[in-house]
Structure formats: structure tokens, C-alpha cells
Amino acid sequence: MLDEQTRDAILQVRDEARSSGVSAFFTLHRERSHLLRIGNNSVSLNTSEDLTRLDVEVLDGRRQGAYTLLGDIAGPAVVRAALDRAVAQAAVAMPRDYDPIEPAVARD
């Protein structure tokens, strides 16, 4: 479930990028997985993992930059730093032979 603090941080940075003319896309993936391995009639391994991944993609004409952040999102400063890295990568990226298509999002 997406908590309000994380959602607000991503939306705030998204709006800042839009107002400054940066074409940025944010994808958040959260996963909670559990593994229970049974062998020789006993439990040999019991682990769980909480994963949070934020993918930031920036399009600058035919240039594209991306950055992936693993871990909890503490606030807008963390998301802004990820956006800045993606913008820096797009600035030095090799131009593509085609115009990349921006993802269409039906709603927030």
C-alpha cells in the first residue's frame, strides 16, 4: 500500500519537474515476499523481504536518462536527487535514431 508521505513526495517532485519543463516519469514498485524452504521434514530457511524501487525516466528530445532508487523514500529531497541524476544522464546520453514515445497515463 502506498503511504501518503511517499505519494506526496513523488507528486511534489513531478509537479516541480513539469513546471521547469522536464519530461519525467516516475514508477514506484513495492513488493513484500516471503520464502519458506522445507527439507528433511524440517524448516531449513524462513526469510522475508520488503522491497521498494523507484524508477525515474527523463526524456530530453531524443535523449533519454534513467535512474533507479532502491530503498524507502524519506521525502521529496530523495526523489529530487533521483530526478537530478536522471536529468544528468539524459544530458550526456547518445541521441536515439527515433523520437521516444512518452508513456500515456490515464490518471494519477
PDB file of N, CA and C in Angstrom:
ATOM      1  N   MET A   1       0.843  -1.179   0.000  1.00  0.00           N
ATOM      2  CA  MET A   1       0.000   0.000   0.000  1.00  0.00           C
ATOM      3  C   MET A   1       0.888   1.241   0.000  1.00  0.00           C
ATOM      4  N   LEU A   2       0.498   2.231  -0.741  1.00  0.00           N
ATOM      5  CA  LEU A   2       1.262   3.467  -0.864  1.00  0.00           C
ATOM      6  C   LEU A   2       0.883   4.422   0.258  1.00  0.00           C
ATOM      7  N   ASP A   3       1.869   4.816   1.050  1.00  0.00           N
ATOM      8  CA  ASP A   3       1.582   5.742   2.139  1.00  0.00           C
ATOM      9  C   ASP A   3       1.559   7.174   1.597  1.00  0.00           C
ATOM     10  N   GLU A   4       0.905   8.049   2.322  1.00  0.00           N
ATOM     11  CA  GLU A   4       0.700   9.429   1.877  1.00  0.00           C
ATOM     12  C   GLU A   4       2.005  10.203   1.746  1.00  0.00           C
ATOM     13  N   GLN A   5       2.970   9.973   2.631  1.00  0.00           N
ATOM     14  CA  GLN A   5       4.234  10.703   2.594  1.00  0.00           C
ATOM     15  C   GLN A   5       4.987  10.405   1.300  1.00  0.00           C
ATOM     16  N   THR A   6       5.038   9.143   0.906  1.00  0.00           N
ATOM     17  CA  THR A   6       5.722   8.751  -0.328  1.00  0.00           C
ATOM     18  C   THR A   6       4.992   9.310  -1.536  1.00  0.00           C
ATOM     19  N   ARG A   7       3.682   9.178  -1.541  1.00  0.00           N
ATOM     20  CA  ARG A   7       2.887   9.683  -2.657  1.00  0.00           C
ATOM     21  C   ARG A   7       3.058  11.184  -2.817  1.00  0.00           C
ATOM     22  N   ASP A   8       2.989  11.926  -1.717  1.00  0.00           N
ATOM     23  CA  ASP A   8       3.129  13.377  -1.775  1.00  0.00           C
ATOM     24  C   ASP A   8       4.515  13.794  -2.247  1.00  0.00           C
ATOM     25  N   ALA A   9       5.548  13.068  -1.821  1.00  0.00           N
ATOM     26  CA  ALA A   9       6.919  13.394  -2.250  1.00  0.00           C
ATOM     27  C   ALA A   9       7.070  13.215  -3.758  1.00  0.00           C
ATOM     28  N   ILE A  10       6.547  12.114  -4.282  1.00  0.00           N
ATOM     29  CA  ILE A  10       6.664  11.862  -5.727  1.00  0.00           C
ATOM     30  C   ILE A  10       5.854  12.887  -6.519  1.00  0.00           C
ATOM     31  N   LEU A  11       4.643  13.176  -6.077  1.00  0.00           N
ATOM     32  CA  LEU A  11       3.810  14.142  -6.789  1.00  0.00           C
ATOM     33  C   LEU A  11       4.392  15.549  -6.737  1.00  0.00           C
ATOM     34  N   GLN A  12       4.999  15.919  -5.620  1.00  0.00           N
ATOM     35  CA  GLN A  12       5.610  17.245  -5.494  1.00  0.00           C
ATOM     36  C   GLN A  12       6.766  17.399  -6.475  1.00  0.00           C
ATOM     37  N   VAL A  13       7.634  16.399  -6.538  1.00  0.00           N
ATOM     38  CA  VAL A  13       8.775  16.472  -7.447  1.00  0.00           C
ATOM     39  C   VAL A  13       8.310  16.377  -8.896  1.00  0.00           C
ATOM     40  N   ARG A  14       7.284  15.590  -9.159  1.00  0.00           N
ATOM     41  CA  ARG A  14       6.727  15.506 -10.518  1.00  0.00           C
ATOM     42  C   ARG A  14       6.216  16.865 -10.973  1.00  0.00           C
ATOM     43  N   ASP A  15       5.502  17.567 -10.093  1.00  0.00           N
ATOM     44  CA  ASP A  15       4.980  18.885 -10.440  1.00  0.00           C
ATOM     45  C   ASP A  15       6.100  19.901 -10.635  1.00  0.00           C
ATOM     46  N   GLU A  16       7.152  19.817  -9.819  1.00  0.00           N
ATOM     47  CA  GLU A  16       8.304  20.708  -9.985  1.00  0.00           C
ATOM     48  C   GLU A  16       8.984  20.462 -11.330  1.00  0.00           C
ATOM     49  N   ALA A  17       9.126  19.193 -11.709  1.00  0.00           N
ATOM     50  CA  ALA A  17       9.752  18.865 -12.992  1.00  0.00           C
ATOM     51  C   ALA A  17       8.901  19.383 -14.141  1.00  0.00           C
ATOM     52  N   ARG A  18       7.598  19.212 -14.042  1.00  0.00           N
ATOM     53  CA  ARG A  18       6.705  19.678 -15.100  1.00  0.00           C
ATOM     54  C   ARG A  18       6.779  21.190 -15.254  1.00  0.00           C
ATOM     55  N   SER A  19       6.810  21.921 -14.133  1.00  0.00           N
ATOM     56  CA  SER A  19       6.857  23.381 -14.201  1.00  0.00           C
ATOM     57  C   SER A  19       8.193  23.898 -14.731  1.00  0.00           C
ATOM     58  N   SER A  20       9.259  23.104 -14.582  1.00  0.00           N
ATOM     59  CA  SER A  20      10.564  23.524 -15.115  1.00  0.00           C
ATOM     60  C   SER A  20      10.800  23.004 -16.533  1.00  0.00           C
ATOM     61  N   GLY A  21       9.818  22.319 -17.111  1.00  0.00           N
ATOM     62  CA  GLY A  21       9.926  21.870 -18.491  1.00  0.00           C
ATOM     63  C   GLY A  21      10.613  20.530 -18.687  1.00  0.00           C
ATOM     64  N   VAL A  22      10.799  19.773 -17.620  1.00  0.00           N
ATOM     65  CA  VAL A  22      11.435  18.459 -17.701  1.00  0.00           C
ATOM     66  C   VAL A  22      10.353  17.402 -17.907  1.00  0.00           C
ATOM     67  N   SER A  23      10.555  16.552 -18.902  1.00  0.00           N
ATOM     68  CA  SER A  23       9.633  15.466 -19.169  1.00  0.00           C
ATOM     69  C   SER A  23      10.090  14.245 -18.376  1.00  0.00           C
ATOM     70  N   ALA A  24       9.487  14.026 -17.204  1.00  0.00           N
ATOM     71  CA  ALA A  24       9.921  12.970 -16.292  1.00  0.00           C
ATOM     72  C   ALA A  24       8.766  12.027 -15.980  1.00  0.00           C
ATOM     73  N   PHE A  25       9.119  10.750 -15.784  1.00  0.00           N
ATOM     74  CA  PHE A  25       8.138   9.718 -15.478  1.00  0.00           C
ATOM     75  C   PHE A  25       8.625   8.925 -14.276  1.00  0.00           C
ATOM     76  N   PHE A  26       7.747   8.692 -13.334  1.00  0.00           N
ATOM     77  CA  PHE A  26       8.083   8.009 -12.094  1.00  0.00           C
ATOM     78  C   PHE A  26       7.282   6.719 -11.995  1.00  0.00           C
ATOM     79  N   THR A  27       7.963   5.627 -11.668  1.00  0.00           N
ATOM     80  CA  THR A  27       7.307   4.339 -11.468  1.00  0.00           C
ATOM     81  C   THR A  27       7.742   3.795 -10.115  1.00  0.00           C
ATOM     82  N   LEU A  28       6.785   3.529  -9.241  1.00  0.00           N
ATOM     83  CA  LEU A  28       7.071   3.001  -7.914  1.00  0.00           C
ATOM     84  C   LEU A  28       6.631   1.549  -7.861  1.00  0.00           C
ATOM     85  N   HIS A  29       7.514   0.697  -7.361  1.00  0.00           N
ATOM     86  CA  HIS A  29       7.205  -0.732  -7.228  1.00  0.00           C
ATOM     87  C   HIS A  29       7.503  -1.140  -5.796  1.00  0.00           C
ATOM     88  N   ARG A  30       6.509  -1.718  -5.142  1.00  0.00           N
ATOM     89  CA  ARG A  30       6.697  -2.241  -3.789  1.00  0.00           C
ATOM     90  C   ARG A  30       6.359  -3.716  -3.793  1.00  0.00           C
ATOM     91  N   GLU A  31       7.150  -4.460  -3.046  1.00  0.00           N
ATOM     92  CA  GLU A  31       6.962  -5.912  -3.010  1.00  0.00           C
ATOM     93  C   GLU A  31       7.279  -6.424  -1.615  1.00  0.00           C
ATOM     94  N   ARG A  32       6.449  -7.301  -1.142  1.00  0.00           N
ATOM     95  CA  ARG A  32       6.703  -7.991   0.118  1.00  0.00           C
ATOM     96  C   ARG A  32       6.683  -9.479  -0.196  1.00  0.00           C
ATOM     97  N   SER A  33       7.827 -10.129  -0.034  1.00  0.00           N
ATOM     98  CA  SER A  33       7.910 -11.542  -0.381  1.00  0.00           C
ATOM     99  C   SER A  33       8.384 -12.351   0.825  1.00  0.00           C
ATOM    100  N   HIS A  34       7.953 -13.576   0.870  1.00  0.00           N
ATOM    101  CA  HIS A  34       8.319 -14.497   1.933  1.00  0.00           C
ATOM    102  C   HIS A  34       8.766 -15.809   1.301  1.00  0.00           C
ATOM    103  N   LEU A  35       9.779 -16.390   1.883  1.00  0.00           N
ATOM    104  CA  LEU A  35      10.285 -17.662   1.378  1.00  0.00           C
ATOM    105  C   LEU A  35      10.399 -18.626   2.541  1.00  0.00           C
ATOM    106  N   LEU A  36       9.826 -19.780   2.373  1.00  0.00           N
ATOM    107  CA  LEU A  36       9.910 -20.838   3.371  1.00  0.00           C
ATOM    108  C   LEU A  36      10.365 -22.094   2.647  1.00  0.00           C
ATOM    109  N   ARG A  37      11.534 -22.560   2.992  1.00  0.00           N
ATOM    110  CA  ARG A  37      12.079 -23.757   2.359  1.00  0.00           C
ATOM    111  C   ARG A  37      12.054 -24.893   3.364  1.00  0.00           C
ATOM    112  N   ILE A  38      11.467 -25.995   2.957  1.00  0.00           N
ATOM    113  CA  ILE A  38      11.345 -27.151   3.845  1.00  0.00           C
ATOM    114  C   ILE A  38      12.180 -28.284   3.274  1.00  0.00           C
ATOM    115  N   GLY A  39      12.985 -28.875   4.128  1.00  0.00           N
ATOM    116  CA  GLY A  39      13.812 -30.003   3.698  1.00  0.00           C
ATOM    117  C   GLY A  39      14.037 -30.966   4.844  1.00  0.00           C
ATOM    118  N   ASN A  40      14.048 -32.232   4.549  1.00  0.00           N
ATOM    119  CA  ASN A  40      14.266 -33.281   5.554  1.00  0.00           C
ATOM    120  C   ASN A  40      13.275 -33.171   6.706  1.00  0.00           C
ATOM    121  N   ASN A  41      12.023 -32.899   6.371  1.00  0.00           N
ATOM    122  CA  ASN A  41      10.945 -32.817   7.351  1.00  0.00           C
ATOM    123  C   ASN A  41      11.139 -31.714   8.388  1.00  0.00           C
ATOM    124  N   SER A  42      11.898 -30.685   8.058  1.00  0.00           N
ATOM    125  CA  SER A  42      12.055 -29.570   8.982  1.00  0.00           C
ATOM    126  C   SER A  42      12.226 -28.277   8.174  1.00  0.00           C
ATOM    127  N   VAL A  43      11.992 -27.157   8.814  1.00  0.00           N
ATOM    128  CA  VAL A  43      12.165 -25.864   8.158  1.00  0.00           C
ATOM    129  C   VAL A  43      13.641 -25.512   8.181  1.00  0.00           C
ATOM    130  N   SER A  44      14.211 -25.315   6.994  1.00  0.00           N
ATOM    131  CA  SER A  44      15.631 -25.008   6.938  1.00  0.00           C
ATOM    132  C   SER A  44      15.893 -23.532   6.680  1.00  0.00           C
ATOM    133  N   LEU A  45      14.902 -22.815   6.133  1.00  0.00           N
ATOM    134  CA  LEU A  45      15.109 -21.405   5.838  1.00  0.00           C
ATOM    135  C   LEU A  45      13.763 -20.691   5.855  1.00  0.00           C
ATOM    136  N   ASN A  46      13.702 -19.587   6.529  1.00  0.00           N
ATOM    137  CA  ASN A  46      12.498 -18.776   6.573  1.00  0.00           C
ATOM    138  C   ASN A  46      12.932 -17.320   6.487  1.00  0.00           C
ATOM    139  N   THR A  47      12.687 -16.680   5.346  1.00  0.00           N
ATOM    140  CA  THR A  47      13.104 -15.293   5.162  1.00  0.00           C
ATOM    141  C   THR A  47      11.950 -14.476   4.613  1.00  0.00           C
ATOM    142  N   SER A  48      12.042 -13.181   4.812  1.00  0.00           N
ATOM    143  CA  SER A  48      11.079 -12.260   4.209  1.00  0.00           C
ATOM    144  C   SER A  48      11.846 -11.027   3.745  1.00  0.00           C
ATOM    145  N   GLU A  49      11.256 -10.337   2.775  1.00  0.00           N
ATOM    146  CA  GLU A  49      11.925  -9.187   2.190  1.00  0.00           C
ATOM    147  C   GLU A  49      10.886  -8.143   1.819  1.00  0.00           C
ATOM    148  N   ASP A  50      11.167  -6.893   2.149  1.00  0.00           N
ATOM    149  CA  ASP A  50      10.358  -5.756   1.718  1.00  0.00           C
ATOM    150  C   ASP A  50      11.203  -4.946   0.751  1.00  0.00           C
ATOM    151  N   LEU A  51      10.715  -4.776  -0.458  1.00  0.00           N
ATOM    152  CA  LEU A  51      11.458  -4.086  -1.495  1.00  0.00           C
ATOM    153  C   LEU A  51      10.675  -2.873  -1.961  1.00  0.00           C
ATOM    154  N   THR A  52      11.347  -1.732  -2.046  1.00  0.00           N
ATOM    155  CA  THR A  52      10.771  -0.525  -2.619  1.00  0.00           C
ATOM    156  C   THR A  52      11.723  -0.027  -3.689  1.00  0.00           C
ATOM    157  N   ARG A  53      11.198   0.142  -4.903  1.00  0.00           N
ATOM    158  CA  ARG A  53      12.028   0.594  -6.019  1.00  0.00           C
ATOM    159  C   ARG A  53      11.316   1.743  -6.733  1.00  0.00           C
ATOM    160  N   LEU A  54      12.032   2.844  -6.937  1.00  0.00           N
ATOM    161  CA  LEU A  54      11.517   3.989  -7.671  1.00  0.00           C
ATOM    162  C   LEU A  54      12.343   4.141  -8.938  1.00  0.00           C
ATOM    163  N   ASP A  55      11.689   4.046 -10.089  1.00  0.00           N
ATOM    164  CA  ASP A  55      12.346   4.249 -11.377  1.00  0.00           C
ATOM    165  C   ASP A  55      11.970   5.628 -11.889  1.00  0.00           C
ATOM    166  N   VAL A  56      12.987   6.413 -12.247  1.00  0.00           N
ATOM    167  CA  VAL A  56      12.781   7.755 -12.792  1.00  0.00           C
ATOM    168  C   VAL A  56      13.329   7.759 -14.209  1.00  0.00           C
ATOM    169  N   GLU A  57      12.508   8.169 -15.146  1.00  0.00           N
ATOM    170  CA  GLU A  57      12.922   8.237 -16.548  1.00  0.00           C
ATOM    171  C   GLU A  57      12.693   9.658 -17.052  1.00  0.00           C
ATOM    172  N   VAL A  58      13.696  10.199 -17.753  1.00  0.00           N
ATOM    173  CA  VAL A  58      13.628  11.558 -18.278  1.00  0.00           C
ATOM    174  C   VAL A  58      13.847  11.507 -19.780  1.00  0.00           C
ATOM    175  N   LEU A  59      12.999  12.220 -20.521  1.00  0.00           N
ATOM    176  CA  LEU A  59      13.157  12.354 -21.966  1.00  0.00           C
ATOM    177  C   LEU A  59      13.526  13.795 -22.270  1.00  0.00           C
ATOM    178  N   ASP A  60      14.610  13.963 -23.033  1.00  0.00           N
ATOM    179  CA  ASP A  60      15.075  15.286 -23.451  1.00  0.00           C
ATOM    180  C   ASP A  60      15.272  15.236 -24.959  1.00  0.00           C
ATOM    181  N   GLY A  61      14.181  15.452 -25.685  1.00  0.00           N
ATOM    182  CA  GLY A  61      14.232  15.300 -27.132  1.00  0.00           C
ATOM    183  C   GLY A  61      14.428  13.831 -27.475  1.00  0.00           C
ATOM    184  N   ARG A  62      15.562  13.539 -28.147  1.00  0.00           N
ATOM    185  CA  ARG A  62      15.871  12.147 -28.475  1.00  0.00           C
ATOM    186  C   ARG A  62      16.807  11.509 -27.451  1.00  0.00           C
ATOM    187  N   ARG A  63      17.125  12.228 -26.424  1.00  0.00           N
ATOM    188  CA  ARG A  63      17.984  11.702 -25.364  1.00  0.00           C
ATOM    189  C   ARG A  63      17.126  11.187 -24.216  1.00  0.00           C
ATOM    190  N   GLN A  64      17.613  10.127 -23.588  1.00  0.00           N
ATOM    191  CA  GLN A  64      16.854   9.516 -22.507  1.00  0.00           C
ATOM    192  C   GLN A  64      17.801   9.197 -21.350  1.00  0.00           C
ATOM    193  N   GLY A  65      17.361   9.493 -20.136  1.00  0.00           N
ATOM    194  CA  GLY A  65      18.120   9.167 -18.937  1.00  0.00           C
ATOM    195  C   GLY A  65      17.222   8.458 -17.946  1.00  0.00           C
ATOM    196  N   ALA A  66      17.802   7.545 -17.202  1.00  0.00           N
ATOM    197  CA  ALA A  66      17.021   6.791 -16.224  1.00  0.00           C
ATOM    198  C   ALA A  66      17.854   6.580 -14.968  1.00  0.00           C
ATOM    199  N   TYR A  67      17.170   6.495 -13.846  1.00  0.00           N
ATOM    200  CA  TYR A  67      17.828   6.237 -12.570  1.00  0.00           C
ATOM    201  C   TYR A  67      16.878   5.404 -11.722  1.00  0.00           C
ATOM    202  N   THR A  68      17.415   4.425 -11.021  1.00  0.00           N
ATOM    203  CA  THR A  68      16.634   3.563 -10.136  1.00  0.00           C
ATOM    204  C   THR A  68      17.108   3.753  -8.709  1.00  0.00           C
ATOM    205  N   LEU A  69      16.162   3.975  -7.828  1.00  0.00           N
ATOM    206  CA  LEU A  69      16.440   4.162  -6.413  1.00  0.00           C
ATOM    207  C   LEU A  69      15.843   2.981  -5.664  1.00  0.00           C
ATOM    208  N   LEU A  70      16.665   2.271  -4.907  1.00  0.00           N
ATOM    209  CA  LEU A  70      16.201   1.152  -4.089  1.00  0.00           C
ATOM    210  C   LEU A  70      16.213   1.581  -2.629  1.00  0.00           C
ATOM    211  N   GLY A  71      15.122   1.341  -1.950  1.00  0.00           N
ATOM    212  CA  GLY A  71      15.037   1.686  -0.536  1.00  0.00           C
ATOM    213  C   GLY A  71      13.850   2.594  -0.278  1.00  0.00           C
ATOM    214  N   ASP A  72      13.614   2.880   0.987  1.00  0.00           N
ATOM    215  CA  ASP A  72      12.481   3.718   1.355  1.00  0.00           C
ATOM    216  C   ASP A  72      12.700   5.151   0.897  1.00  0.00           C
ATOM    217  N   ILE A  73      11.613   5.814   0.598  1.00  0.00           N
ATOM    218  CA  ILE A  73      11.652   7.199   0.149  1.00  0.00           C
ATOM    219  C   ILE A  73      11.378   8.072   1.363  1.00  0.00           C
ATOM    220  N   ALA A  74      12.407   8.788   1.809  1.00  0.00           N
ATOM    221  CA  ALA A  74      12.314   9.559   3.044  1.00  0.00           C
ATOM    222  C   ALA A  74      11.618  10.898   2.855  1.00  0.00           C
ATOM    223  N   GLY A  75      11.566  11.406   1.641  1.00  0.00           N
ATOM    224  CA  GLY A  75      10.922  12.692   1.404  1.00  0.00           C
ATOM    225  C   GLY A  75      11.217  13.209   0.013  1.00  0.00           C
ATOM    226  N   PRO A  76      10.771  14.426  -0.271  1.00  0.00           N
ATOM    227  CA  PRO A  76      10.960  14.985  -1.608  1.00  0.00           C
ATOM    228  C   PRO A  76      12.427  15.158  -1.997  1.00  0.00           C
ATOM    229  N   ALA A  77      13.299  15.368  -1.039  1.00  0.00           N
ATOM    230  CA  ALA A  77      14.719  15.556  -1.368  1.00  0.00           C
ATOM    231  C   ALA A  77      15.324  14.309  -2.011  1.00  0.00           C
ATOM    232  N   VAL A  78      14.903  13.142  -1.566  1.00  0.00           N
ATOM    233  CA  VAL A  78      15.401  11.882  -2.123  1.00  0.00           C
ATOM    234  C   VAL A  78      14.905  11.708  -3.557  1.00  0.00           C
ATOM    235  N   VAL A  79      13.632  12.008  -3.786  1.00  0.00           N
ATOM    236  CA  VAL A  79      13.062  11.886  -5.129  1.00  0.00           C
ATOM    237  C   VAL A  79      13.687  12.925  -6.052  1.00  0.00           C
ATOM    238  N   ARG A  80      13.907  14.129  -5.551  1.00  0.00           N
ATOM    239  CA  ARG A  80      14.533  15.196  -6.346  1.00  0.00           C
ATOM    240  C   ARG A  80      15.957  14.821  -6.742  1.00  0.00           C
ATOM    241  N   ALA A  81      16.698  14.191  -5.835  1.00  0.00           N
ATOM    242  CA  ALA A  81      18.063  13.752  -6.157  1.00  0.00           C
ATOM    243  C   ALA A  81      18.038  12.680  -7.251  1.00  0.00           C
ATOM    244  N   ALA A  82      17.068  11.772  -7.198  1.00  0.00           N
ATOM    245  CA  ALA A  82      16.939  10.752  -8.246  1.00  0.00           C
ATOM    246  C   ALA A  82      16.592  11.402  -9.578  1.00  0.00           C
ATOM    247  N   LEU A  83      15.724  12.397  -9.563  1.00  0.00           N
ATOM    248  CA  LEU A  83      15.379  13.119 -10.786  1.00  0.00           C
ATOM    249  C   LEU A  83      16.591  13.847 -11.349  1.00  0.00           C
ATOM    250  N   ASP A  84      17.367  14.487 -10.479  1.00  0.00           N
ATOM    251  CA  ASP A  84      18.560  15.202 -10.928  1.00  0.00           C
ATOM    252  C   ASP A  84      19.564  14.264 -11.594  1.00  0.00           C
ATOM    253  N   ARG A  85      19.716  13.071 -11.068  1.00  0.00           N
ATOM    254  CA  ARG A  85      20.634  12.095 -11.676  1.00  0.00           C
ATOM    255  C   ARG A  85      20.135  11.649 -13.044  1.00  0.00           C
ATOM    256  N   ALA A  86      18.824  11.444 -13.165  1.00  0.00           N
ATOM    257  CA  ALA A  86      18.262  11.045 -14.455  1.00  0.00           C
ATOM    258  C   ALA A  86      18.404  12.173 -15.480  1.00  0.00           C
ATOM    259  N   VAL A  87      18.212  13.422 -15.044  1.00  0.00           N
ATOM    260  CA  VAL A  87      18.395  14.570 -15.937  1.00  0.00           C
ATOM    261  C   VAL A  87      19.849  14.669 -16.382  1.00  0.00           C
ATOM    262  N   ALA A  88      20.783  14.442 -15.462  1.00  0.00           N
ATOM    263  CA  ALA A  88      22.206  14.486 -15.814  1.00  0.00           C
ATOM    264  C   ALA A  88      22.560  13.376 -16.802  1.00  0.00           C
ATOM    265  N   GLN A  89      21.983  12.206 -16.650  1.00  0.00           N
ATOM    266  CA  GLN A  89      22.241  11.121 -17.594  1.00  0.00           C
ATOM    267  C   GLN A  89      21.664  11.432 -18.961  1.00  0.00           C
ATOM    268  N   ALA A  90      20.498  12.047 -18.999  1.00  0.00           N
ATOM    269  CA  ALA A  90      19.890  12.397 -20.286  1.00  0.00           C
ATOM    270  C   ALA A  90      20.721  13.447 -21.014  1.00  0.00           C
ATOM    271  N   ALA A  91      21.364  14.336 -20.265  1.00  0.00           N
ATOM    272  CA  ALA A  91      22.162  15.389 -20.887  1.00  0.00           C
ATOM    273  C   ALA A  91      23.375  14.838 -21.630  1.00  0.00           C
ATOM    274  N   VAL A  92      23.923  13.720 -21.171  1.00  0.00           N
ATOM    275  CA  VAL A  92      25.125  13.157 -21.805  1.00  0.00           C
ATOM    276  C   VAL A  92      24.842  11.888 -22.607  1.00  0.00           C
ATOM    277  N   ALA A  93      23.573  11.526 -22.712  1.00  0.00           N
ATOM    278  CA  ALA A  93      23.210  10.296 -23.419  1.00  0.00           C
ATOM    279  C   ALA A  93      23.354  10.485 -24.927  1.00  0.00           C
ATOM    280  N   MET A  94      23.586   9.373 -25.590  1.00  0.00           N
ATOM    281  CA  MET A  94      23.655   9.364 -27.046  1.00  0.00           C
ATOM    282  C   MET A  94      22.238   9.526 -27.602  1.00  0.00           C
ATOM    283  N   PRO A  95      22.031  10.446 -28.542  1.00  0.00           N
ATOM    284  CA  PRO A  95      20.681  10.595 -29.108  1.00  0.00           C
ATOM    285  C   PRO A  95      20.239   9.339 -29.839  1.00  0.00           C
ATOM    286  N   ARG A  96      18.988   9.028 -29.713  1.00  0.00           N
ATOM    287  CA  ARG A  96      18.429   7.855 -30.394  1.00  0.00           C
ATOM    288  C   ARG A  96      18.122   8.197 -31.845  1.00  0.00           C
ATOM    289  N   ASP A  97      17.924   7.176 -32.639  1.00  0.00           N
ATOM    290  CA  ASP A  97      17.603   7.368 -34.049  1.00  0.00           C
ATOM    291  C   ASP A  97      16.126   7.684 -34.263  1.00  0.00           C
ATOM    292  N   TYR A  98      15.352   7.646 -33.220  1.00  0.00           N
ATOM    293  CA  TYR A  98      13.911   7.855 -33.308  1.00  0.00           C
ATOM    294  C   TYR A  98      13.480   8.731 -32.144  1.00  0.00           C
ATOM    295  N   ASP A  99      12.285   9.255 -32.248  1.00  0.00           N
ATOM    296  CA  ASP A  99      11.727  10.044 -31.155  1.00  0.00           C
ATOM    297  C   ASP A  99      11.061   9.103 -30.155  1.00  0.00           C
ATOM    298  N   PRO A 100      11.571   9.041 -28.916  1.00  0.00           N
ATOM    299  CA  PRO A 100      10.940   8.166 -27.914  1.00  0.00           C
ATOM    300  C   PRO A 100       9.502   8.610 -27.627  1.00  0.00           C
ATOM    301  N   ILE A 101       8.658   7.654 -27.375  1.00  0.00           N
ATOM    302  CA  ILE A 101       7.253   7.935 -27.095  1.00  0.00           C
ATOM    303  C   ILE A 101       7.066   8.050 -25.589  1.00  0.00           C
ATOM    304  N   GLU A 102       6.426   9.127 -25.189  1.00  0.00           N
ATOM    305  CA  GLU A 102       6.155   9.318 -23.766  1.00  0.00           C
ATOM    306  C   GLU A 102       5.030   8.388 -23.338  1.00  0.00           C
ATOM    307  N   PRO A 103       5.150   7.779 -22.153  1.00  0.00           N
ATOM    308  CA  PRO A 103       4.079   6.894 -21.681  1.00  0.00           C
ATOM    309  C   PRO A 103       2.781   7.681 -21.460  1.00  0.00           C
ATOM    310  N   ALA A 104       1.674   7.091 -21.795  1.00  0.00           N
ATOM    311  CA  ALA A 104       0.365   7.711 -21.577  1.00  0.00           C
ATOM    312  C   ALA A 104      -0.188   7.218 -20.247  1.00  0.00           C
ATOM    313  N   VAL A 105      -0.507   8.147 -19.369  1.00  0.00           N
ATOM    314  CA  VAL A 105      -1.048   7.812 -18.062  1.00  0.00           C
ATOM    315  C   VAL A 105      -2.490   8.301 -18.011  1.00  0.00           C
ATOM    316  N   ALA A 106      -3.406   7.396 -17.715  1.00  0.00           N
ATOM    317  CA  ALA A 106      -4.820   7.756 -17.705  1.00  0.00           C
ATOM    318  C   ALA A 106      -5.190   8.640 -16.518  1.00  0.00           C
ATOM    319  N   ARG A 107      -4.541   8.398 -15.364  1.00  0.00           N
ATOM    320  CA  ARG A 107      -4.845   9.186 -14.169  1.00  0.00           C
ATOM    321  C   ARG A 107      -3.680   9.076 -13.206  1.00  0.00           C
ATOM    322  N   ASP A 108      -3.660   9.962 -12.199  1.00  0.00           N
ATOM    323  CA  ASP A 108      -2.605   9.930 -11.179  1.00  0.00           C
ATOM    324  C   ASP A 108      -2.698   8.669 -10.376  1.00  0.00           C
TER     325      ASP A 108
END
